[in-house]
Amino acid sequence: MVLRYAHPTQAHQAKAMEQLEQFNAAQQIAAFEKYRPAMTH
């Protein structure tokens, strides 16, 4: 069985970019929370 490369559809590309942006945002938040001093009120 031979699989050929198929270009992703616009909808698939948009969904992949959204997931990547969410992942990157989560990583930035986690890094910020890890390295910032605890804030007290």
N, C-alpha and C. Protein backbone atom coordinates (compact mmCIF):
# COMPACT_ATOMS: atom_id res chain seq x y z
N MET A 1 0.84 -1.17 0.00
CA MET A 1 0.00 0.00 0.00
C MET A 1 0.90 1.24 0.00
N VAL A 2 0.62 2.14 -0.90
CA VAL A 2 1.41 3.36 -1.03
C VAL A 2 0.58 4.54 -0.57
N LEU A 3 1.13 5.29 0.39
CA LEU A 3 0.45 6.50 0.85
C LEU A 3 1.12 7.70 0.20
N ARG A 4 0.32 8.57 -0.34
CA ARG A 4 0.85 9.78 -0.96
C ARG A 4 0.63 10.96 -0.03
N TYR A 5 1.52 11.93 -0.15
CA TYR A 5 1.37 13.14 0.65
C TYR A 5 0.19 13.93 0.13
N ALA A 6 -0.66 14.35 1.02
CA ALA A 6 -1.79 15.20 0.65
C ALA A 6 -1.67 16.49 1.44
N HIS A 7 -1.78 17.61 0.77
CA HIS A 7 -1.71 18.90 1.45
C HIS A 7 -2.88 19.03 2.42
N PRO A 8 -2.61 19.51 3.63
CA PRO A 8 -3.70 19.70 4.58
C PRO A 8 -4.69 20.76 4.09
N THR A 9 -5.92 20.57 4.43
CA THR A 9 -6.94 21.55 4.04
C THR A 9 -6.78 22.81 4.89
N GLN A 10 -7.41 23.88 4.47
CA GLN A 10 -7.35 25.13 5.22
C GLN A 10 -7.88 24.94 6.63
N ALA A 11 -8.98 24.20 6.77
CA ALA A 11 -9.57 23.98 8.09
C ALA A 11 -8.60 23.20 8.99
N HIS A 12 -7.94 22.21 8.42
CA HIS A 12 -6.99 21.42 9.20
C HIS A 12 -5.81 22.28 9.62
N GLN A 13 -5.32 23.11 8.72
CA GLN A 13 -4.20 23.99 9.06
C GLN A 13 -4.60 24.96 10.16
N ALA A 14 -5.80 25.51 10.08
CA ALA A 14 -6.26 26.46 11.09
C ALA A 14 -6.38 25.78 12.45
N LYS A 15 -6.91 24.56 12.47
CA LYS A 15 -7.04 23.83 13.73
C LYS A 15 -5.66 23.52 14.31
N ALA A 16 -4.73 23.12 13.47
CA ALA A 16 -3.38 22.80 13.94
C ALA A 16 -2.71 24.05 14.52
N MET A 17 -2.87 25.19 13.87
CA MET A 17 -2.28 26.43 14.37
C MET A 17 -2.91 26.83 15.71
N GLU A 18 -4.22 26.64 15.83
CA GLU A 18 -4.90 26.96 17.09
C GLU A 18 -4.37 26.09 18.22
N GLN A 19 -4.20 24.79 17.95
CA GLN A 19 -3.68 23.89 18.97
C GLN A 19 -2.25 24.27 19.35
N LEU A 20 -1.45 24.64 18.35
CA LEU A 20 -0.07 25.03 18.62
C LEU A 20 -0.02 26.30 19.46
N GLU A 21 -0.87 27.26 19.14
CA GLU A 21 -0.90 28.51 19.90
C GLU A 21 -1.33 28.25 21.35
N GLN A 22 -2.31 27.37 21.54
CA GLN A 22 -2.75 27.04 22.90
C GLN A 22 -1.62 26.35 23.67
N PHE A 23 -0.90 25.45 23.02
CA PHE A 23 0.20 24.75 23.66
C PHE A 23 1.30 25.74 24.05
N ASN A 24 1.65 26.64 23.12
CA ASN A 24 2.69 27.62 23.40
C ASN A 24 2.29 28.54 24.54
N ALA A 25 1.04 28.96 24.57
CA ALA A 25 0.56 29.82 25.65
C ALA A 25 0.66 29.08 26.99
N ALA A 26 0.28 27.83 27.01
CA ALA A 26 0.34 27.05 28.24
C ALA A 26 1.79 26.91 28.71
N GLN A 27 2.71 26.71 27.78
CA GLN A 27 4.13 26.60 28.13
C GLN A 27 4.65 27.90 28.72
N GLN A 28 4.26 29.03 28.12
CA GLN A 28 4.70 30.32 28.62
C GLN A 28 4.15 30.58 30.02
N ILE A 29 2.90 30.25 30.24
CA ILE A 29 2.29 30.45 31.55
C ILE A 29 2.99 29.57 32.58
N ALA A 30 3.24 28.33 32.24
CA ALA A 30 3.91 27.41 33.17
C ALA A 30 5.31 27.92 33.50
N ALA A 31 6.04 28.40 32.52
CA ALA A 31 7.39 28.90 32.76
C ALA A 31 7.35 30.14 33.64
N PHE A 32 6.40 31.02 33.38
CA PHE A 32 6.27 32.24 34.16
C PHE A 32 5.96 31.91 35.62
N GLU A 33 5.02 30.99 35.82
CA GLU A 33 4.64 30.63 37.18
C GLU A 33 5.78 29.90 37.92
N LYS A 34 6.58 29.18 37.18
CA LYS A 34 7.66 28.44 37.80
C LYS A 34 8.77 29.38 38.29
N TYR A 35 9.07 30.42 37.51
CA TYR A 35 10.23 31.24 37.80
C TYR A 35 9.93 32.56 38.49
N ARG A 36 8.68 32.96 38.56
CA ARG A 36 8.39 34.24 39.23
C ARG A 36 8.29 34.02 40.73
N PRO A 37 8.65 35.02 41.50
CA PRO A 37 8.46 34.86 42.95
C PRO A 37 6.97 34.88 43.28
N ALA A 38 6.59 34.21 44.33
CA ALA A 38 5.18 34.14 44.72
C ALA A 38 4.70 35.53 45.09
N MET A 39 3.59 35.91 44.52
CA MET A 39 3.02 37.23 44.82
C MET A 39 2.08 37.11 46.01
N THR A 40 2.19 38.04 46.91
CA THR A 40 1.29 38.06 48.07
C THR A 40 0.52 39.36 48.08
N HIS A 41 -0.69 39.31 48.57
CA HIS A 41 -1.55 40.51 48.61
C HIS A 41 -1.52 41.12 49.97
